[in-house]
Amino acid sequence: MKNWSFKKIIKEILSMLLMVFVVSMVLNYIRKPDTSNRLVDIKAMDIYQHEIEFIKSDEKRSPTLIHFWATWCPTCKLEAPNIEALKNSCNVITIAVNSGLDEELKSFMSERNFSYRVINDSEGLLTKKFGVEVFPTTFIYDANDTLRFSEVGYSTTMGLKARVALIRE
């Protein structure tokens, strides 16, 4: 029988966490969509029929976070509050994939008190354009519309805020 000390237990826990982190980074790299490094100038209507511009034309440009998600995705539901937390710190555009009609998305957002902008990609056109195959997927572009980060899977609020802060000019 091994003699377990507090120091050994901490060392094992840290080793396991490091291994999980490395594996998750490798999986993120493998599942990363093959998309353009430049944000495409797209205009689309959100679920409230307001026009959304992917590239802002004003002088006060900020990073743009584009988040692909679905109402049927458990990880997306878990991550949704993290996206809500960023809506005032950058240009947040979310794209709901295969998630029903606009009215169903409005109800989903209202029930959870979320107010970030949502485009209903019911036909999957934007999903194809960005090469997204796994949900959730998040892209973060700098103020010059260059892709700086992409994340496949769950992202914490702190992780998203840190990425946005790193590219803020």
N, C-alpha and C. Protein backbone atom coordinates (compact mmCIF):
# COMPACT_ATOMS: atom_id res chain seq x y z
N MET A 1 0.84 -1.19 0.00
CA MET A 1 0.00 0.00 0.00
C MET A 1 0.88 1.24 0.00
N LYS A 2 0.56 2.15 -0.90
CA LYS A 2 1.33 3.38 -1.00
C LYS A 2 1.07 4.29 0.19
N ASN A 3 2.08 5.03 0.53
CA ASN A 3 1.95 6.00 1.60
C ASN A 3 1.62 7.35 0.95
N TRP A 4 0.37 7.76 1.02
CA TRP A 4 -0.06 9.00 0.39
C TRP A 4 0.08 10.17 1.35
N SER A 5 0.84 11.15 0.96
CA SER A 5 0.94 12.37 1.75
C SER A 5 0.15 13.47 1.04
N PHE A 6 -0.09 14.54 1.75
CA PHE A 6 -0.81 15.68 1.19
C PHE A 6 -0.07 16.21 -0.04
N LYS A 7 1.23 16.27 0.02
CA LYS A 7 2.06 16.76 -1.08
C LYS A 7 1.90 15.87 -2.31
N LYS A 8 1.88 14.57 -2.13
CA LYS A 8 1.72 13.64 -3.25
C LYS A 8 0.33 13.77 -3.89
N ILE A 9 -0.68 13.94 -3.05
CA ILE A 9 -2.04 14.09 -3.57
C ILE A 9 -2.15 15.36 -4.41
N ILE A 10 -1.62 16.45 -3.92
CA ILE A 10 -1.64 17.72 -4.67
C ILE A 10 -0.88 17.58 -5.98
N LYS A 11 0.26 16.91 -5.92
CA LYS A 11 1.06 16.69 -7.13
C LYS A 11 0.28 15.88 -8.16
N GLU A 12 -0.41 14.84 -7.73
CA GLU A 12 -1.22 14.02 -8.63
C GLU A 12 -2.38 14.81 -9.23
N ILE A 13 -3.02 15.61 -8.41
CA ILE A 13 -4.14 16.44 -8.90
C ILE A 13 -3.63 17.44 -9.94
N LEU A 14 -2.53 18.10 -9.66
CA LEU A 14 -1.97 19.07 -10.61
C LEU A 14 -1.53 18.39 -11.90
N SER A 15 -0.95 17.21 -11.80
CA SER A 15 -0.55 16.46 -13.00
C SER A 15 -1.77 16.10 -13.84
N MET A 16 -2.83 15.67 -13.19
CA MET A 16 -4.05 15.31 -13.91
C MET A 16 -4.67 16.54 -14.58
N LEU A 17 -4.72 17.67 -13.87
CA LEU A 17 -5.26 18.90 -14.45
C LEU A 17 -4.44 19.35 -15.66
N LEU A 18 -3.13 19.25 -15.57
CA LEU A 18 -2.27 19.61 -16.69
C LEU A 18 -2.53 18.70 -17.88
N MET A 19 -2.69 17.43 -17.62
CA MET A 19 -2.95 16.48 -18.69
C MET A 19 -4.30 16.77 -19.35
N VAL A 20 -5.33 17.06 -18.56
CA VAL A 20 -6.65 17.40 -19.10
C VAL A 20 -6.55 18.67 -19.95
N PHE A 21 -5.80 19.66 -19.47
CA PHE A 21 -5.62 20.91 -20.21
C PHE A 21 -4.95 20.66 -21.55
N VAL A 22 -3.88 19.89 -21.56
CA VAL A 22 -3.15 19.60 -22.80
C VAL A 22 -4.05 18.84 -23.78
N VAL A 23 -4.75 17.84 -23.29
CA VAL A 23 -5.64 17.07 -24.15
C VAL A 23 -6.74 17.97 -24.73
N SER A 24 -7.30 18.85 -23.91
CA SER A 24 -8.37 19.74 -24.41
C SER A 24 -7.83 20.71 -25.45
N MET A 25 -6.60 21.18 -25.29
CA MET A 25 -6.00 22.07 -26.29
C MET A 25 -5.75 21.33 -27.59
N VAL A 26 -5.31 20.10 -27.53
CA VAL A 26 -5.09 19.30 -28.73
C VAL A 26 -6.43 19.05 -29.44
N LEU A 27 -7.45 18.68 -28.69
CA LEU A 27 -8.78 18.46 -29.28
C LEU A 27 -9.32 19.75 -29.90
N ASN A 28 -9.11 20.87 -29.23
CA ASN A 28 -9.55 22.16 -29.76
C ASN A 28 -8.86 22.44 -31.09
N TYR A 29 -7.57 22.16 -31.18
CA TYR A 29 -6.82 22.38 -32.41
C TYR A 29 -7.32 21.47 -33.53
N ILE A 30 -7.57 20.22 -33.21
CA ILE A 30 -8.03 19.26 -34.22
C ILE A 30 -9.42 19.62 -34.73
N ARG A 31 -10.31 20.06 -33.83
CA ARG A 31 -11.69 20.37 -34.22
C ARG A 31 -11.87 21.79 -34.73
N LYS A 32 -10.81 22.59 -34.71
CA LYS A 32 -10.88 23.99 -35.12
C LYS A 32 -11.36 24.10 -36.57
N PRO A 33 -12.37 24.94 -36.82
CA PRO A 33 -12.87 25.10 -38.19
C PRO A 33 -11.82 25.72 -39.10
N ASP A 34 -11.88 25.34 -40.35
CA ASP A 34 -11.01 25.92 -41.35
C ASP A 34 -11.73 27.12 -41.93
N THR A 35 -11.46 28.29 -41.37
CA THR A 35 -12.15 29.51 -41.79
C THR A 35 -11.14 30.59 -42.12
N SER A 36 -11.60 31.62 -42.75
CA SER A 36 -10.74 32.73 -43.14
C SER A 36 -10.21 33.46 -41.91
N ASN A 37 -9.00 33.99 -42.02
CA ASN A 37 -8.43 34.78 -40.93
C ASN A 37 -8.96 36.20 -40.90
N ARG A 38 -9.75 36.57 -41.88
CA ARG A 38 -10.35 37.90 -41.95
C ARG A 38 -11.86 37.78 -41.78
N LEU A 39 -12.42 38.66 -41.00
CA LEU A 39 -13.87 38.70 -40.82
C LEU A 39 -14.51 39.17 -42.11
N VAL A 40 -15.51 38.47 -42.54
CA VAL A 40 -16.21 38.80 -43.77
C VAL A 40 -17.28 39.84 -43.46
N ASP A 41 -17.44 40.80 -44.36
CA ASP A 41 -18.45 41.84 -44.18
C ASP A 41 -19.83 41.26 -44.50
N ILE A 42 -20.52 40.85 -43.45
CA ILE A 42 -21.84 40.23 -43.59
C ILE A 42 -22.85 41.12 -42.87
N LYS A 43 -24.01 41.24 -43.46
CA LYS A 43 -25.13 41.89 -42.80
C LYS A 43 -26.25 40.86 -42.73
N ALA A 44 -26.84 40.72 -41.55
CA ALA A 44 -27.91 39.73 -41.36
C ALA A 44 -28.94 40.30 -40.39
N MET A 45 -30.10 39.71 -40.40
CA MET A 45 -31.17 40.13 -39.49
C MET A 45 -31.17 39.22 -38.26
N ASP A 46 -31.33 39.84 -37.09
CA ASP A 46 -31.42 39.03 -35.87
C ASP A 46 -32.86 38.55 -35.70
N ILE A 47 -33.13 37.87 -34.60
CA ILE A 47 -34.46 37.29 -34.37
C ILE A 47 -35.53 38.35 -34.14
N TYR A 48 -35.12 39.61 -33.92
CA TYR A 48 -36.06 40.72 -33.74
C TYR A 48 -36.15 41.58 -35.00
N GLN A 49 -35.56 41.10 -36.09
CA GLN A 49 -35.54 41.78 -37.37
C GLN A 49 -34.77 43.10 -37.35
N HIS A 50 -33.70 43.14 -36.52
CA HIS A 50 -32.75 44.26 -36.52
C HIS A 50 -31.54 43.82 -37.32
N GLU A 51 -31.01 44.74 -38.12
CA GLU A 51 -29.84 44.40 -38.93
C GLU A 51 -28.58 44.35 -38.07
N ILE A 52 -27.78 43.33 -38.28
CA ILE A 52 -26.50 43.17 -37.59
C ILE A 52 -25.40 43.24 -38.63
N GLU A 53 -24.41 44.11 -38.36
CA GLU A 53 -23.24 44.22 -39.22
C GLU A 53 -22.08 43.50 -38.53
N PHE A 54 -21.48 42.56 -39.22
CA PHE A 54 -20.34 41.85 -38.64
C PHE A 54 -19.14 42.77 -38.53
N ILE A 55 -18.97 43.65 -39.50
CA ILE A 55 -17.88 44.63 -39.46
C ILE A 55 -18.49 45.99 -39.19
N LYS A 56 -18.13 46.55 -38.05
CA LYS A 56 -18.65 47.86 -37.66
C LYS A 56 -17.95 48.94 -38.49
N SER A 57 -18.70 49.95 -38.89
CA SER A 57 -18.13 51.00 -39.73
C SER A 57 -17.78 52.27 -38.94
N ASP A 58 -18.02 52.27 -37.64
CA ASP A 58 -17.72 53.48 -36.86
C ASP A 58 -16.26 53.51 -36.40
N GLU A 59 -15.86 54.66 -35.88
CA GLU A 59 -14.47 54.83 -35.44
C GLU A 59 -14.16 54.07 -34.15
N LYS A 60 -15.14 53.85 -33.33
CA LYS A 60 -14.95 53.19 -32.03
C LYS A 60 -15.09 51.68 -32.18
N ARG A 61 -14.22 51.09 -32.97
CA ARG A 61 -14.27 49.66 -33.23
C ARG A 61 -13.73 48.90 -32.04
N SER A 62 -14.29 47.76 -31.81
CA SER A 62 -13.84 46.90 -30.72
C SER A 62 -13.74 45.48 -31.25
N PRO A 63 -13.17 44.58 -30.47
CA PRO A 63 -13.13 43.19 -30.90
C PRO A 63 -14.54 42.65 -31.16
N THR A 64 -14.63 41.68 -32.04
CA THR A 64 -15.90 41.04 -32.38
C THR A 64 -15.84 39.58 -31.98
N LEU A 65 -16.81 39.16 -31.20
CA LEU A 65 -16.94 37.77 -30.79
C LEU A 65 -18.12 37.18 -31.55
N ILE A 66 -17.86 36.13 -32.31
CA ILE A 66 -18.92 35.44 -33.04
C ILE A 66 -19.05 34.05 -32.44
N HIS A 67 -20.24 33.75 -31.96
CA HIS A 67 -20.47 32.53 -31.20
C HIS A 67 -21.57 31.69 -31.86
N PHE A 68 -21.22 30.47 -32.26
CA PHE A 68 -22.17 29.53 -32.85
C PHE A 68 -22.65 28.59 -31.75
N TRP A 69 -23.96 28.44 -31.63
CA TRP A 69 -24.54 27.63 -30.57
C TRP A 69 -25.87 27.05 -31.03
N ALA A 70 -26.48 26.25 -30.18
CA ALA A 70 -27.79 25.67 -30.47
C ALA A 70 -28.56 25.46 -29.17
N THR A 71 -29.87 25.60 -29.25
CA THR A 71 -30.71 25.41 -28.05
C THR A 71 -30.71 23.97 -27.59
N TRP A 72 -30.44 23.02 -28.48
CA TRP A 72 -30.45 21.60 -28.15
C TRP A 72 -29.10 21.12 -27.60
N CYS A 73 -28.12 21.99 -27.55
CA CYS A 73 -26.76 21.64 -27.13
C CYS A 73 -26.58 21.92 -25.63
N PRO A 74 -26.36 20.89 -24.79
CA PRO A 74 -26.20 21.09 -23.35
C PRO A 74 -25.02 21.99 -23.00
N THR A 75 -23.90 21.84 -23.70
CA THR A 75 -22.72 22.67 -23.42
C THR A 75 -23.01 24.12 -23.77
N CYS A 76 -23.76 24.35 -24.85
CA CYS A 76 -24.12 25.71 -25.25
C CYS A 76 -24.96 26.39 -24.17
N LYS A 77 -25.89 25.64 -23.61
CA LYS A 77 -26.74 26.19 -22.55
C LYS A 77 -25.90 26.55 -21.32
N LEU A 78 -24.93 25.71 -21.01
CA LEU A 78 -24.05 25.95 -19.88
C LEU A 78 -23.17 27.19 -20.11
N GLU A 79 -22.78 27.39 -21.35
CA GLU A 79 -21.88 28.49 -21.70
C GLU A 79 -22.61 29.82 -21.93
N ALA A 80 -23.90 29.80 -22.16
CA ALA A 80 -24.67 30.99 -22.50
C ALA A 80 -24.48 32.16 -21.52
N PRO A 81 -24.47 31.94 -20.20
CA PRO A 81 -24.23 33.07 -19.29
C PRO A 81 -22.85 33.73 -19.49
N ASN A 82 -21.87 32.94 -19.94
CA ASN A 82 -20.54 33.50 -20.20
C ASN A 82 -20.57 34.45 -21.38
N ILE A 83 -21.36 34.12 -22.39
CA ILE A 83 -21.51 34.99 -23.55
C ILE A 83 -22.27 36.25 -23.14
N GLU A 84 -23.29 36.09 -22.34
CA GLU A 84 -24.07 37.24 -21.84
C GLU A 84 -23.15 38.21 -21.10
N ALA A 85 -22.19 37.70 -20.36
CA ALA A 85 -21.29 38.54 -19.57
C ALA A 85 -20.38 39.40 -20.44
N LEU A 86 -20.21 39.05 -21.71
CA LEU A 86 -19.33 39.81 -22.60
C LEU A 86 -20.04 40.79 -23.50
N LYS A 87 -21.35 40.80 -23.49
CA LYS A 87 -22.10 41.59 -24.48
C LYS A 87 -21.79 43.09 -24.42
N ASN A 88 -21.31 43.60 -23.29
CA ASN A 88 -21.00 45.03 -23.19
C ASN A 88 -19.52 45.35 -23.39
N SER A 89 -18.68 44.32 -23.48
CA SER A 89 -17.24 44.58 -23.59
C SER A 89 -16.69 44.40 -25.01
N CYS A 90 -17.52 43.88 -25.91
CA CYS A 90 -17.10 43.73 -27.31
C CYS A 90 -18.35 43.56 -28.17
N ASN A 91 -18.14 43.50 -29.46
CA ASN A 91 -19.24 43.31 -30.41
C ASN A 91 -19.60 41.83 -30.42
N VAL A 92 -20.63 41.45 -29.68
CA VAL A 92 -21.04 40.04 -29.57
C VAL A 92 -22.15 39.74 -30.57
N ILE A 93 -21.88 38.76 -31.42
CA ILE A 93 -22.87 38.29 -32.39
C ILE A 93 -22.98 36.78 -32.18
N THR A 94 -24.18 36.31 -31.90
CA THR A 94 -24.35 34.87 -31.75
C THR A 94 -25.21 34.33 -32.88
N ILE A 95 -24.93 33.10 -33.24
CA ILE A 95 -25.62 32.47 -34.35
C ILE A 95 -26.18 31.14 -33.86
N ALA A 96 -27.51 31.08 -33.79
CA ALA A 96 -28.19 29.87 -33.34
C ALA A 96 -28.40 28.95 -34.53
N VAL A 97 -27.99 27.70 -34.38
CA VAL A 97 -28.02 26.74 -35.48
C VAL A 97 -29.07 25.66 -35.22
N ASN A 98 -29.91 25.41 -36.19
CA ASN A 98 -30.94 24.35 -36.09
C ASN A 98 -31.68 24.43 -34.76
N SER A 99 -32.13 25.62 -34.41
CA SER A 99 -32.75 25.82 -33.10
C SER A 99 -34.20 26.28 -33.18
N GLY A 100 -34.84 26.07 -34.30
CA GLY A 100 -36.26 26.40 -34.42
C GLY A 100 -36.51 27.76 -35.03
N LEU A 101 -37.74 28.20 -34.87
CA LEU A 101 -38.19 29.48 -35.42
C LEU A 101 -37.72 30.64 -34.54
N ASP A 102 -37.79 31.85 -35.11
CA ASP A 102 -37.41 33.05 -34.35
C ASP A 102 -38.18 33.13 -33.04
N GLU A 103 -39.47 32.82 -33.07
CA GLU A 103 -40.29 32.90 -31.85
C GLU A 103 -39.79 31.94 -30.78
N GLU A 104 -39.34 30.76 -31.18
CA GLU A 104 -38.80 29.80 -30.22
C GLU A 104 -37.48 30.32 -29.61
N LEU A 105 -36.67 30.95 -30.43
CA LEU A 105 -35.42 31.53 -29.93
C LEU A 105 -35.70 32.71 -29.01
N LYS A 106 -36.67 33.52 -29.35
CA LYS A 106 -37.06 34.65 -28.48
C LYS A 106 -37.50 34.12 -27.11
N SER A 107 -38.28 33.07 -27.12
CA SER A 107 -38.74 32.46 -25.88
C SER A 107 -37.56 31.91 -25.07
N PHE A 108 -36.65 31.22 -25.73
CA PHE A 108 -35.45 30.68 -25.09
C PHE A 108 -34.66 31.80 -24.41
N MET A 109 -34.45 32.89 -25.13
CA MET A 109 -33.68 34.02 -24.60
C MET A 109 -34.42 34.69 -23.43
N SER A 110 -35.70 34.88 -23.58
CA SER A 110 -36.51 35.54 -22.55
C SER A 110 -36.56 34.72 -21.26
N GLU A 111 -36.76 33.43 -21.37
CA GLU A 111 -36.83 32.55 -20.20
C GLU A 111 -35.55 32.59 -19.37
N ARG A 112 -34.44 32.85 -20.01
CA ARG A 112 -33.13 32.84 -19.34
C ARG A 112 -32.58 34.25 -19.09
N ASN A 113 -33.36 35.27 -19.45
CA ASN A 113 -32.96 36.67 -19.28
C ASN A 113 -31.66 37.00 -20.01
N PHE A 114 -31.48 36.45 -21.21
CA PHE A 114 -30.33 36.78 -22.04
C PHE A 114 -30.73 37.86 -23.02
N SER A 115 -29.80 38.77 -23.29
CA SER A 115 -30.13 39.87 -24.21
C SER A 115 -29.09 40.06 -25.31
N TYR A 116 -28.15 39.12 -25.46
CA TYR A 116 -27.21 39.26 -26.56
C TYR A 116 -27.93 39.02 -27.89
N ARG A 117 -27.32 39.53 -28.96
CA ARG A 117 -27.95 39.45 -30.28
C ARG A 117 -27.83 38.04 -30.86
N VAL A 118 -28.92 37.60 -31.48
CA VAL A 118 -28.98 36.25 -32.03
C VAL A 118 -29.45 36.29 -33.47
N ILE A 119 -28.68 35.64 -34.33
CA ILE A 119 -29.10 35.41 -35.71
C ILE A 119 -29.54 33.96 -35.79
N ASN A 120 -30.71 33.74 -36.38
CA ASN A 120 -31.22 32.39 -36.54
C ASN A 120 -30.69 31.82 -37.86
N ASP A 121 -29.74 30.93 -37.77
CA ASP A 121 -29.15 30.31 -38.96
C ASP A 121 -29.87 28.99 -39.25
N SER A 122 -31.17 29.10 -39.51
CA SER A 122 -32.00 27.90 -39.67
C SER A 122 -31.62 27.06 -40.89
N GLU A 123 -31.02 27.68 -41.88
CA GLU A 123 -30.61 26.93 -43.07
C GLU A 123 -29.13 26.56 -43.05
N GLY A 124 -28.41 27.00 -42.02
CA GLY A 124 -27.00 26.65 -41.87
C GLY A 124 -26.05 27.37 -42.81
N LEU A 125 -26.48 28.48 -43.40
CA LEU A 125 -25.63 29.19 -44.36
C LEU A 125 -24.40 29.81 -43.70
N LEU A 126 -24.59 30.47 -42.55
CA LEU A 126 -23.45 31.07 -41.85
C LEU A 126 -22.54 29.99 -41.25
N THR A 127 -23.16 28.92 -40.79
CA THR A 127 -22.39 27.81 -40.23
C THR A 127 -21.44 27.25 -41.29
N LYS A 128 -21.94 27.08 -42.50
CA LYS A 128 -21.10 26.60 -43.60
C LYS A 128 -20.04 27.63 -43.97
N LYS A 129 -20.42 28.90 -44.02
CA LYS A 129 -19.49 29.96 -44.40
C LYS A 129 -18.28 30.01 -43.47
N PHE A 130 -18.52 29.76 -42.17
CA PHE A 130 -17.44 29.79 -41.18
C PHE A 130 -16.80 28.41 -40.97
N GLY A 131 -17.33 27.39 -41.61
CA GLY A 131 -16.77 26.04 -41.50
C GLY A 131 -17.00 25.39 -40.14
N VAL A 132 -18.05 25.78 -39.45
CA VAL A 132 -18.33 25.26 -38.11
C VAL A 132 -19.04 23.91 -38.21
N GLU A 133 -18.53 22.94 -37.45
CA GLU A 133 -19.13 21.61 -37.43
C GLU A 133 -19.45 21.14 -36.01
N VAL A 134 -18.89 21.82 -35.00
CA VAL A 134 -19.06 21.42 -33.61
C VAL A 134 -19.60 22.62 -32.83
N PHE A 135 -20.50 22.36 -31.88
CA PHE A 135 -21.10 23.45 -31.09
C PHE A 135 -20.83 23.23 -29.62
N PRO A 136 -20.54 24.30 -28.90
CA PRO A 136 -20.37 25.68 -29.36
C PRO A 136 -18.99 25.90 -30.00
N THR A 137 -18.93 26.89 -30.87
CA THR A 137 -17.68 27.35 -31.46
C THR A 137 -17.68 28.87 -31.38
N THR A 138 -16.56 29.42 -30.93
CA THR A 138 -16.45 30.86 -30.75
C THR A 138 -15.22 31.39 -31.50
N PHE A 139 -15.42 32.48 -32.22
CA PHE A 139 -14.33 33.18 -32.91
C PHE A 139 -14.20 34.56 -32.30
N ILE A 140 -12.97 35.00 -32.08
CA ILE A 140 -12.75 36.37 -31.59
C ILE A 140 -11.82 37.07 -32.57
N TYR A 141 -12.33 38.17 -33.13
CA TYR A 141 -11.59 38.98 -34.09
C TYR A 141 -11.17 40.28 -33.42
N ASP A 142 -10.00 40.79 -33.78
CA ASP A 142 -9.55 42.06 -33.22
C ASP A 142 -10.27 43.22 -33.90
N ALA A 143 -9.95 44.45 -33.50
CA ALA A 143 -10.61 45.64 -34.04
C ALA A 143 -10.31 45.84 -35.53
N ASN A 144 -9.29 45.16 -36.04
CA ASN A 144 -8.96 45.23 -37.47
C ASN A 144 -9.54 44.05 -38.25
N ASP A 145 -10.45 43.32 -37.63
CA ASP A 145 -11.18 42.21 -38.26
C ASP A 145 -10.31 41.01 -38.61
N THR A 146 -9.25 40.82 -37.84
CA THR A 146 -8.37 39.66 -38.02
C THR A 146 -8.68 38.63 -36.93
N LEU A 147 -8.84 37.38 -37.35
CA LEU A 147 -9.13 36.31 -36.39
C LEU A 147 -7.94 36.13 -35.47
N ARG A 148 -8.18 36.24 -34.17
CA ARG A 148 -7.12 36.08 -33.19
C ARG A 148 -7.26 34.82 -32.35
N PHE A 149 -8.51 34.42 -32.09
CA PHE A 149 -8.76 33.22 -31.29
C PHE A 149 -9.96 32.47 -31.84
N SER A 150 -9.91 31.16 -31.76
CA SER A 150 -11.09 30.35 -32.02
C SER A 150 -11.11 29.26 -30.96
N GLU A 151 -12.29 28.97 -30.49
CA GLU A 151 -12.45 28.00 -29.41
C GLU A 151 -13.61 27.08 -29.75
N VAL A 152 -13.36 25.79 -29.70
CA VAL A 152 -14.40 24.80 -29.93
C VAL A 152 -14.70 24.17 -28.58
N GLY A 153 -15.96 24.21 -28.19
CA GLY A 153 -16.34 23.68 -26.89
C GLY A 153 -16.53 24.80 -25.87
N TYR A 154 -16.66 24.41 -24.64
CA TYR A 154 -16.95 25.33 -23.55
C TYR A 154 -15.80 26.30 -23.29
N SER A 155 -16.15 27.57 -23.06
CA SER A 155 -15.19 28.60 -22.66
C SER A 155 -15.73 29.30 -21.42
N THR A 156 -14.86 29.54 -20.46
CA THR A 156 -15.27 30.23 -19.24
C THR A 156 -15.40 31.73 -19.50
N THR A 157 -16.10 32.41 -18.63
CA THR A 157 -16.21 33.87 -18.73
C THR A 157 -14.83 34.50 -18.63
N MET A 158 -14.03 34.05 -17.67
CA MET A 158 -12.68 34.61 -17.50
C MET A 158 -11.82 34.35 -18.73
N GLY A 159 -11.92 33.17 -19.30
CA GLY A 159 -11.14 32.85 -20.49
C GLY A 159 -11.51 33.74 -21.66
N LEU A 160 -12.81 33.95 -21.86
CA LEU A 160 -13.26 34.82 -22.95
C LEU A 160 -12.85 36.27 -22.70
N LYS A 161 -13.03 36.75 -21.47
CA LYS A 161 -12.65 38.13 -21.14
C LYS A 161 -11.15 38.33 -21.30
N ALA A 162 -10.36 37.34 -20.92
CA ALA A 162 -8.90 37.44 -21.06
C ALA A 162 -8.50 37.53 -22.52
N ARG A 163 -9.13 36.73 -23.36
CA ARG A 163 -8.81 36.76 -24.79
C ARG A 163 -9.15 38.13 -25.39
N VAL A 164 -10.33 38.66 -25.04
CA VAL A 164 -10.73 39.98 -25.53
C VAL A 164 -9.77 41.05 -25.03
N ALA A 165 -9.38 40.98 -23.77
CA ALA A 165 -8.45 41.97 -23.21
C ALA A 165 -7.08 41.90 -23.89
N LEU A 166 -6.64 40.72 -24.26
CA LEU A 166 -5.33 40.56 -24.91
C LEU A 166 -5.28 41.24 -26.28
N ILE A 167 -6.40 41.31 -26.97
CA ILE A 167 -6.36 41.88 -28.31
C ILE A 167 -6.89 43.30 -28.39
N ARG A 168 -7.38 43.80 -27.26
CA ARG A 168 -7.90 45.17 -27.26
C ARG A 168 -6.75 46.14 -27.54
N GLU A 169 -7.01 47.08 -28.40
CA GLU A 169 -5.95 48.04 -28.76
C GLU A 169 -6.14 49.35 -28.06
